[in-house]
C-alpha atoms as a PDB file:
ATOM      1  CA  MET A   1     -16.279 -65.768 -26.521  1.00  0.00           C
ATOM      2  CA  ARG A   2     -16.069 -64.385 -22.970  1.00  0.00           C
ATOM      3  CA  LEU A   3     -12.669 -63.900 -21.351  1.00  0.00           C
ATOM      4  CA  ASP A   4     -11.172 -62.641 -18.126  1.00  0.00           C
ATOM      5  CA  PRO A   5      -9.520 -59.312 -19.046  1.00  0.00           C
ATOM      6  CA  ALA A   6      -6.567 -60.224 -16.834  1.00  0.00           C
ATOM      7  CA  SER A   7      -5.813 -62.961 -19.365  1.00  0.00           C
ATOM      8  CA  ILE A   8      -4.532 -60.319 -21.779  1.00  0.00           C
ATOM      9  CA  GLU A   9      -0.758 -60.639 -21.810  1.00  0.00           C
ATOM     10  CA  ALA A  10       0.062 -57.368 -23.587  1.00  0.00           C
ATOM     11  CA  SER A  11       2.325 -55.063 -21.602  1.00  0.00           C
ATOM     12  CA  ARG A  12       2.054 -51.876 -23.731  1.00  0.00           C
ATOM     13  CA  ILE A  13      -1.426 -50.948 -24.879  1.00  0.00           C
ATOM     14  CA  LEU A  14      -2.241 -48.120 -27.274  1.00  0.00           C
ATOM     15  CA  VAL A  15      -5.796 -46.778 -26.968  1.00  0.00           C
ATOM     16  CA  VAL A  16      -7.186 -44.866 -29.949  1.00  0.00           C
ATOM     17  CA  ALA A  17     -10.128 -42.633 -29.010  1.00  0.00           C
ATOM     18  CA  PRO A  18     -11.841 -40.577 -31.731  1.00  0.00           C
ATOM     19  CA  HIS A  19     -13.269 -38.264 -29.042  1.00  0.00           C
ATOM     20  CA  GLN A  20     -12.718 -37.606 -25.377  1.00  0.00           C
ATOM     21  CA  ASP A  21     -15.148 -40.109 -23.796  1.00  0.00           C
ATOM     22  CA  ASP A  22     -14.704 -42.999 -26.242  1.00  0.00           C
ATOM     23  CA  GLU A  23     -11.797 -44.302 -24.168  1.00  0.00           C
ATOM     24  CA  SER A  24     -14.041 -44.605 -21.101  1.00  0.00           C
ATOM     25  CA  LEU A  25     -17.145 -45.907 -22.858  1.00  0.00           C
ATOM     26  CA  GLY A  26     -15.334 -48.368 -25.104  1.00  0.00           C
ATOM     27  CA  CYS A  27     -12.222 -49.427 -23.191  1.00  0.00           C
ATOM     28  CA  GLY A  28     -12.622 -48.276 -19.592  1.00  0.00           C
ATOM     29  CA  GLY A  29     -13.091 -51.781 -18.239  1.00  0.00           C
ATOM     30  CA  LEU A  30      -9.918 -53.171 -19.774  1.00  0.00           C
ATOM     31  CA  ILE A  31      -7.928 -50.114 -18.724  1.00  0.00           C
ATOM     32  CA  ALA A  32      -9.128 -50.242 -15.119  1.00  0.00           C
ATOM     33  CA  THR A  33      -8.430 -53.973 -14.920  1.00  0.00           C
ATOM     34  CA  LEU A  34      -4.988 -54.009 -16.483  1.00  0.00           C
ATOM     35  CA  ALA A  35      -3.501 -50.791 -15.083  1.00  0.00           C
ATOM     36  CA  PRO A  36      -3.042 -52.201 -11.539  1.00  0.00           C
ATOM     37  CA  LEU A  37      -1.301 -55.209 -13.082  1.00  0.00           C
ATOM     38  CA  GLY A  38       1.544 -53.022 -14.306  1.00  0.00           C
ATOM     39  CA  ARG A  39       0.503 -52.598 -17.930  1.00  0.00           C
ATOM     40  CA  ARG A  40       1.400 -49.320 -19.603  1.00  0.00           C
ATOM     41  CA  PHE A  41      -1.041 -47.326 -21.702  1.00  0.00           C
ATOM     42  CA  HIS A  42      -0.729 -44.539 -24.224  1.00  0.00           C
ATOM     43  CA  THR A  43      -4.051 -42.939 -25.148  1.00  0.00           C
ATOM     44  CA  VAL A  44      -4.406 -41.008 -28.400  1.00  0.00           C
ATOM     45  CA  PHE A  45      -7.358 -38.610 -28.605  1.00  0.00           C
ATOM     46  CA  VAL A  46      -7.774 -37.957 -32.305  1.00  0.00           C
ATOM     47  CA  THR A  47     -10.217 -35.020 -32.569  1.00  0.00           C
ATOM     48  CA  ASP A  48     -10.657 -31.888 -30.487  1.00  0.00           C
ATOM     49  CA  GLY A  49     -14.216 -32.858 -29.516  1.00  0.00           C
ATOM     50  CA  GLY A  50     -15.315 -29.292 -30.122  1.00  0.00           C
ATOM     51  CA  ALA A  51     -18.346 -29.892 -32.336  1.00  0.00           C
ATOM     52  CA  SER A  52     -20.745 -31.399 -29.803  1.00  0.00           C
ATOM     53  CA  HIS A  53     -22.426 -28.073 -28.912  1.00  0.00           C
ATOM     54  CA  ARG A  54     -22.179 -25.875 -31.988  1.00  0.00           C
ATOM     55  CA  ASN A  55     -24.901 -23.453 -30.874  1.00  0.00           C
ATOM     56  CA  SER A  56     -23.731 -22.801 -27.332  1.00  0.00           C
ATOM     57  CA  ALA A  57     -22.904 -19.139 -26.751  1.00  0.00           C
ATOM     58  CA  SER A  58     -21.213 -19.796 -23.418  1.00  0.00           C
ATOM     59  CA  TRP A  59     -19.130 -22.703 -24.685  1.00  0.00           C
ATOM     60  CA  PRO A  60     -17.509 -21.719 -27.995  1.00  0.00           C
ATOM     61  CA  ARG A  61     -15.444 -24.380 -29.688  1.00  0.00           C
ATOM     62  CA  GLU A  62     -12.077 -23.418 -28.202  1.00  0.00           C
ATOM     63  CA  ARG A  63     -13.408 -23.396 -24.650  1.00  0.00           C
ATOM     64  CA  LEU A  64     -15.273 -26.659 -25.137  1.00  0.00           C
ATOM     65  CA  ALA A  65     -12.237 -28.399 -26.646  1.00  0.00           C
ATOM     66  CA  ALA A  66     -10.107 -27.321 -23.682  1.00  0.00           C
ATOM     67  CA  ALA A  67     -12.756 -28.569 -21.252  1.00  0.00           C
ATOM     68  CA  ARG A  68     -12.936 -31.907 -22.997  1.00  0.00           C
ATOM     69  CA  GLU A  69      -9.188 -32.369 -22.650  1.00  0.00           C
ATOM     70  CA  ALA A  70      -9.453 -31.680 -18.932  1.00  0.00           C
ATOM     71  CA  GLU A  71     -12.349 -34.134 -18.671  1.00  0.00           C
ATOM     72  CA  ALA A  72     -10.282 -36.775 -20.474  1.00  0.00           C
ATOM     73  CA  ALA A  73      -7.371 -36.273 -18.088  1.00  0.00           C
ATOM     74  CA  GLU A  74      -9.704 -36.741 -15.123  1.00  0.00           C
ATOM     75  CA  ALA A  75     -11.280 -39.827 -16.703  1.00  0.00           C
ATOM     76  CA  LEU A  76      -7.858 -41.417 -17.197  1.00  0.00           C
ATOM     77  CA  ARG A  77      -7.032 -40.659 -13.572  1.00  0.00           C
ATOM     78  CA  ARG A  78     -10.224 -42.403 -12.457  1.00  0.00           C
ATOM     79  CA  LEU A  79      -9.285 -45.413 -14.579  1.00  0.00           C
ATOM     80  CA  GLY A  80      -5.893 -45.619 -12.902  1.00  0.00           C
ATOM     81  CA  ILE A  81      -3.682 -44.272 -15.706  1.00  0.00           C
ATOM     82  CA  GLY A  82      -3.517 -40.608 -14.843  1.00  0.00           C
ATOM     83  CA  ASP A  83       0.276 -40.694 -15.020  1.00  0.00           C
ATOM     84  CA  HIS A  84       0.460 -42.684 -18.262  1.00  0.00           C
ATOM     85  CA  PRO A  85       1.231 -40.895 -21.531  1.00  0.00           C
ATOM     86  CA  ARG A  86      -1.536 -39.439 -23.668  1.00  0.00           C
ATOM     87  CA  SER A  87      -1.589 -37.413 -26.895  1.00  0.00           C
ATOM     88  CA  PHE A  88      -4.164 -34.924 -28.166  1.00  0.00           C
ATOM     89  CA  PHE A  89      -4.077 -34.602 -31.949  1.00  0.00           C
ATOM     90  CA  ARG A  90      -6.801 -31.900 -31.920  1.00  0.00           C
ATOM     91  CA  LEU A  91      -8.064 -32.675 -35.413  1.00  0.00           C
ATOM     92  CA  PRO A  92     -11.412 -30.981 -36.155  1.00  0.00           C
ATOM     93  CA  ASP A  93     -14.313 -32.894 -34.641  1.00  0.00           C
ATOM     94  CA  ALA A  94     -16.699 -34.143 -37.368  1.00  0.00           C
ATOM     95  CA  ALA A  95     -14.352 -32.862 -40.078  1.00  0.00           C
ATOM     96  CA  MET A  96     -11.132 -34.833 -39.939  1.00  0.00           C
ATOM     97  CA  PRO A  97      -8.761 -34.080 -42.841  1.00  0.00           C
ATOM     98  CA  ALA A  98      -9.099 -36.325 -45.855  1.00  0.00           C
ATOM     99  CA  ALA A  99      -6.403 -38.780 -46.835  1.00  0.00           C
ATOM    100  CA  GLY A 100      -3.874 -37.164 -49.139  1.00  0.00           C
ATOM    101  CA  THR A 101      -4.109 -33.697 -47.589  1.00  0.00           C
ATOM    102  CA  ALA A 102      -1.211 -32.026 -45.830  1.00  0.00           C
ATOM    103  CA  GLU A 103      -3.113 -32.084 -42.522  1.00  0.00           C
ATOM    104  CA  HIS A 104      -3.744 -35.812 -42.829  1.00  0.00           C
ATOM    105  CA  GLY A 105      -0.092 -36.458 -43.642  1.00  0.00           C
ATOM    106  CA  LYS A 106       0.997 -34.519 -40.555  1.00  0.00           C
ATOM    107  CA  ALA A 107      -1.363 -36.521 -38.327  1.00  0.00           C
ATOM    108  CA  LEU A 108      -0.207 -39.789 -39.875  1.00  0.00           C
ATOM    109  CA  ARG A 109       3.438 -38.962 -39.226  1.00  0.00           C
ATOM    110  CA  ALA A 110       2.629 -38.060 -35.627  1.00  0.00           C
ATOM    111  CA  PHE A 111       0.835 -41.391 -35.199  1.00  0.00           C
ATOM    112  CA  VAL A 112       3.771 -43.268 -36.696  1.00  0.00           C
ATOM    113  CA  ASP A 113       6.124 -41.558 -34.242  1.00  0.00           C
ATOM    114  CA  ILE A 114       3.926 -42.650 -31.315  1.00  0.00           C
ATOM    115  CA  VAL A 115       3.788 -46.245 -32.512  1.00  0.00           C
ATOM    116  CA  ARG A 116       7.537 -46.399 -33.022  1.00  0.00           C
ATOM    117  CA  GLY A 117       8.260 -44.787 -29.673  1.00  0.00           C
ATOM    118  CA  PHE A 118       5.720 -46.646 -27.564  1.00  0.00           C
ATOM    119  CA  ARG A 119       5.990 -49.993 -29.407  1.00  0.00           C
ATOM    120  CA  PRO A 120       2.533 -51.316 -28.410  1.00  0.00           C
ATOM    121  CA  ASP A 121       1.837 -55.012 -28.415  1.00  0.00           C
ATOM    122  CA  LEU A 122      -1.929 -54.379 -28.313  1.00  0.00           C
ATOM    123  CA  VAL A 123      -3.914 -51.584 -29.968  1.00  0.00           C
ATOM    124  CA  LEU A 124      -7.522 -50.810 -29.041  1.00  0.00           C
ATOM    125  CA  LEU A 125      -9.215 -49.230 -32.045  1.00  0.00           C
ATOM    126  CA  PRO A 126     -12.697 -47.951 -32.835  1.00  0.00           C
ATOM    127  CA  TRP A 127     -14.658 -50.476 -34.901  1.00  0.00           C
ATOM    128  CA  ARG A 128     -13.758 -49.906 -38.545  1.00  0.00           C
ATOM    129  CA  ARG A 129     -17.361 -49.261 -39.602  1.00  0.00           C
ATOM    130  CA  ASP A 130     -18.735 -47.685 -36.460  1.00  0.00           C
ATOM    131  CA  PRO A 131     -21.476 -45.350 -37.750  1.00  0.00           C
ATOM    132  CA  HIS A 132     -19.720 -42.063 -37.026  1.00  0.00           C
ATOM    133  CA  CYS A 133     -17.374 -40.412 -39.510  1.00  0.00           C
ATOM    134  CA  ASP A 134     -14.708 -39.665 -36.896  1.00  0.00           C
ATOM    135  CA  HIS A 135     -14.668 -43.259 -35.667  1.00  0.00           C
ATOM    136  CA  ARG A 136     -14.139 -44.593 -39.176  1.00  0.00           C
ATOM    137  CA  ASP A 137     -11.538 -41.961 -40.005  1.00  0.00           C
ATOM    138  CA  ALA A 138      -9.700 -42.548 -36.715  1.00  0.00           C
ATOM    139  CA  PHE A 139      -9.601 -46.265 -37.453  1.00  0.00           C
ATOM    140  CA  ALA A 140      -8.179 -45.588 -40.916  1.00  0.00           C
ATOM    141  CA  LEU A 141      -5.594 -43.137 -39.596  1.00  0.00           C
ATOM    142  CA  ALA A 142      -4.383 -45.472 -36.851  1.00  0.00           C
ATOM    143  CA  SER A 143      -4.385 -48.483 -39.186  1.00  0.00           C
ATOM    144  CA  GLY A 144      -2.298 -46.540 -41.691  1.00  0.00           C
ATOM    145  CA  ALA A 145       0.228 -45.722 -38.991  1.00  0.00           C
ATOM    146  CA  LEU A 146       0.445 -49.339 -37.876  1.00  0.00           C
ATOM    147  CA  ALA A 147       0.942 -50.475 -41.461  1.00  0.00           C
ATOM    148  CA  ALA A 148       3.645 -47.852 -42.017  1.00  0.00           C
ATOM    149  CA  THR A 149       5.670 -49.028 -39.036  1.00  0.00           C
ATOM    150  CA  ASP A 150       5.358 -52.723 -39.879  1.00  0.00           C
ATOM    151  CA  MET A 151       5.425 -53.557 -36.172  1.00  0.00           C
ATOM    152  CA  PRO A 152       3.534 -56.625 -34.997  1.00  0.00           C
ATOM    153  CA  ALA A 153       0.709 -55.679 -32.637  1.00  0.00           C
ATOM    154  CA  ALA A 154      -2.547 -57.415 -31.871  1.00  0.00           C
ATOM    155  CA  THR A 155      -5.682 -55.318 -32.336  1.00  0.00           C
ATOM    156  CA  LEU A 156      -9.130 -55.263 -30.790  1.00  0.00           C
ATOM    157  CA  GLU A 157     -11.896 -52.999 -32.094  1.00  0.00           C
ATOM    158  CA  TYR A 158     -14.591 -51.520 -29.871  1.00  0.00           C
ATOM    159  CA  ALA A 159     -17.919 -50.275 -31.197  1.00  0.00           C
ATOM    160  CA  ILE A 160     -19.640 -47.269 -29.651  1.00  0.00           C
ATOM    161  CA  TRP A 161     -22.568 -46.661 -32.017  1.00  0.00           C
ATOM    162  CA  LEU A 162     -22.835 -49.915 -33.974  1.00  0.00           C
ATOM    163  CA  ASP A 163     -25.645 -51.454 -31.930  1.00  0.00           C
ATOM    164  CA  GLU A 164     -27.542 -48.182 -31.606  1.00  0.00           C
ATOM    165  CA  LEU A 165     -27.205 -46.591 -35.053  1.00  0.00           C
ATOM    166  CA  GLY A 166     -25.603 -49.169 -37.310  1.00  0.00           C
ATOM    167  CA  SER A 167     -27.051 -50.778 -40.410  1.00  0.00           C
ATOM    168  CA  PRO A 168     -26.500 -54.427 -41.388  1.00  0.00           C
ATOM    169  CA  GLU A 169     -23.603 -53.530 -43.674  1.00  0.00           C
ATOM    170  CA  ASP A 170     -21.801 -51.834 -40.779  1.00  0.00           C
ATOM    171  CA  ARG A 171     -21.604 -55.062 -38.830  1.00  0.00           C
ATOM    172  CA  PRO A 172     -18.756 -57.581 -39.153  1.00  0.00           C
ATOM    173  CA  GLN A 173     -19.023 -59.693 -42.248  1.00  0.00           C
ATOM    174  CA  PRO A 174     -18.521 -63.481 -42.235  1.00  0.00           C
ATOM    175  CA  ASP A 175     -14.907 -64.385 -41.512  1.00  0.00           C
ATOM    176  CA  GLU A 176     -14.008 -60.715 -40.910  1.00  0.00           C
ATOM    177  CA  ALA A 177     -13.852 -60.649 -37.105  1.00  0.00           C
ATOM    178  CA  GLU A 178     -14.962 -62.524 -34.022  1.00  0.00           C
ATOM    179  CA  ARG A 179     -16.599 -60.964 -30.992  1.00  0.00           C
ATOM    180  CA  VAL A 180     -14.687 -61.108 -27.721  1.00  0.00           C
ATOM    181  CA  ASP A 181     -16.415 -60.173 -24.457  1.00  0.00           C
ATOM    182  CA  PHE A 182     -14.550 -59.269 -21.282  1.00  0.00           C
ATOM    183  CA  ASP A 183     -16.062 -59.472 -17.827  1.00  0.00           C
ATOM    184  CA  VAL A 184     -15.409 -56.053 -16.289  1.00  0.00           C
ATOM    185  CA  ALA A 185     -17.926 -56.228 -13.430  1.00  0.00           C
ATOM    186  CA  ALA A 186     -15.160 -55.962 -10.830  1.00  0.00           C
ATOM    187  CA  VAL A 187     -14.074 -52.531 -12.125  1.00  0.00           C
ATOM    188  CA  LEU A 188     -17.481 -51.215 -13.157  1.00  0.00           C
ATOM    189  CA  PRO A 189     -17.480 -48.431 -10.518  1.00  0.00           C
ATOM    190  CA  ALA A 190     -14.214 -47.078 -11.940  1.00  0.00           C
ATOM    191  CA  LYS A 191     -15.508 -47.252 -15.504  1.00  0.00           C
ATOM    192  CA  ARG A 192     -18.750 -45.485 -14.606  1.00  0.00           C
ATOM    193  CA  ALA A 193     -16.822 -42.835 -12.696  1.00  0.00           C
ATOM    194  CA  ALA A 194     -14.637 -42.257 -15.755  1.00  0.00           C
ATOM    195  CA  VAL A 195     -17.688 -41.860 -18.003  1.00  0.00           C
ATOM    196  CA  ALA A 196     -19.166 -39.402 -15.495  1.00  0.00           C
ATOM    197  CA  ALA A 197     -15.985 -37.298 -15.702  1.00  0.00           C
ATOM    198  CA  HIS A 198     -17.050 -36.219 -19.197  1.00  0.00           C
ATOM    199  CA  LEU A 199     -19.475 -33.623 -17.876  1.00  0.00           C
ATOM    200  CA  SER A 200     -19.831 -31.807 -21.182  1.00  0.00           C
ATOM    201  CA  GLN A 201     -21.158 -34.955 -22.814  1.00  0.00           C
ATOM    202  CA  THR A 202     -23.515 -36.158 -20.078  1.00  0.00           C
ATOM    203  CA  GLY A 203     -25.714 -33.055 -20.016  1.00  0.00           C
ATOM    204  CA  ASP A 204     -24.384 -31.861 -16.655  1.00  0.00           C
ATOM    205  CA  LEU A 205     -22.372 -28.844 -17.860  1.00  0.00           C
ATOM    206  CA  ILE A 206     -23.754 -27.147 -20.987  1.00  0.00           C
ATOM    207  CA  HIS A 207     -27.352 -25.949 -20.867  1.00  0.00           C
ATOM    208  CA  ASP A 208     -27.675 -23.312 -23.601  1.00  0.00           C
ATOM    209  CA  ASP A 209     -27.747 -25.552 -26.679  1.00  0.00           C
ATOM    210  CA  PRO A 210     -30.913 -27.655 -26.821  1.00  0.00           C
ATOM    211  CA  ASP A 211     -29.660 -29.310 -30.006  1.00  0.00           C
ATOM    212  CA  GLY A 212     -26.258 -30.163 -28.549  1.00  0.00           C
ATOM    213  CA  PHE A 213     -25.085 -33.730 -28.188  1.00  0.00           C
ATOM    214  CA  HIS A 214     -25.353 -35.588 -24.922  1.00  0.00           C
ATOM    215  CA  LEU A 215     -25.023 -39.213 -23.932  1.00  0.00           C
ATOM    216  CA  THR A 216     -28.424 -40.579 -23.032  1.00  0.00           C
ATOM    217  CA  PRO A 217     -28.866 -42.730 -19.932  1.00  0.00           C
ATOM    218  CA  ALA A 218     -29.730 -45.631 -22.252  1.00  0.00           C
ATOM    219  CA  THR A 219     -26.466 -45.259 -24.166  1.00  0.00           C
ATOM    220  CA  ILE A 220     -24.432 -45.072 -20.972  1.00  0.00           C
ATOM    221  CA  GLU A 221     -26.216 -48.116 -19.569  1.00  0.00           C
ATOM    222  CA  ARG A 222     -25.579 -50.052 -22.780  1.00  0.00           C
ATOM    223  CA  LEU A 223     -21.865 -49.264 -22.857  1.00  0.00           C
ATOM    224  CA  ALA A 224     -21.080 -49.142 -19.139  1.00  0.00           C
ATOM    225  CA  GLY A 225     -22.331 -52.560 -18.135  1.00  0.00           C
ATOM    226  CA  PRO A 226     -20.507 -55.582 -16.723  1.00  0.00           C
ATOM    227  CA  VAL A 227     -19.430 -56.859 -20.150  1.00  0.00           C
ATOM    228  CA  GLU A 228     -17.141 -54.958 -22.509  1.00  0.00           C
ATOM    229  CA  ALA A 229     -17.338 -56.142 -26.131  1.00  0.00           C
ATOM    230  CA  TYR A 230     -14.662 -56.025 -28.808  1.00  0.00           C
ATOM    231  CA  TRP A 231     -14.175 -57.381 -32.305  1.00  0.00           C
ATOM    232  CA  ARG A 232     -10.942 -59.264 -32.972  1.00  0.00           C
ATOM    233  CA  PRO A 233     -10.165 -59.207 -36.704  1.00  0.00           C
ATOM    234  CA  HIS A 234      -9.211 -62.378 -38.498  1.00  0.00           C
ATOM    235  CA  ARG A 235      -5.748 -62.083 -39.983  1.00  0.00           C
END
């Protein structure tokens, strides 16, 4: 199903980003389309993003995490929501606390407070089985918060790594969710500019860790095209 993103009627949209760049890659088109229409956004960045270049001497984890927050702020500005609220949970990248731990309980309570305060009518989540541990854990954390508040909110799930790294069991099962595509060609320059703001992840900032993560041109091209895809779960 392909829809005009302007057809979304939600007025308060909560964006859940496991890392600083997922909001631009996964949701940048919807954000850039809906922000000028008066919709309000609150973006939650779940992890600190500090594990992408573990072997960099010039960019230790604390410095990298701070840079990634600054990159995220610039990306949101380029998408048109630089003055909208955002939260940085700063959970450890690639090592989010397990359910039942004190750290997980603290994060869950913080998420519940955001949901109750912001009262979203649409939540953009990472795909529940996206093949990255932080994406799955972020989905579970946000879903737990939504369930705890018992507030009605529609959800759409965006996949970052499903098509590139996923196995058949990671994909939506029959009757689990339907794919919804949004035409974001009109705001593609803004989305691409937002992705480019994440310099630490595009290979344009850190050069002393040959094993460090970076978004390949193929990945950026796949995710920053004229169509933005989501999965809408069946209730």
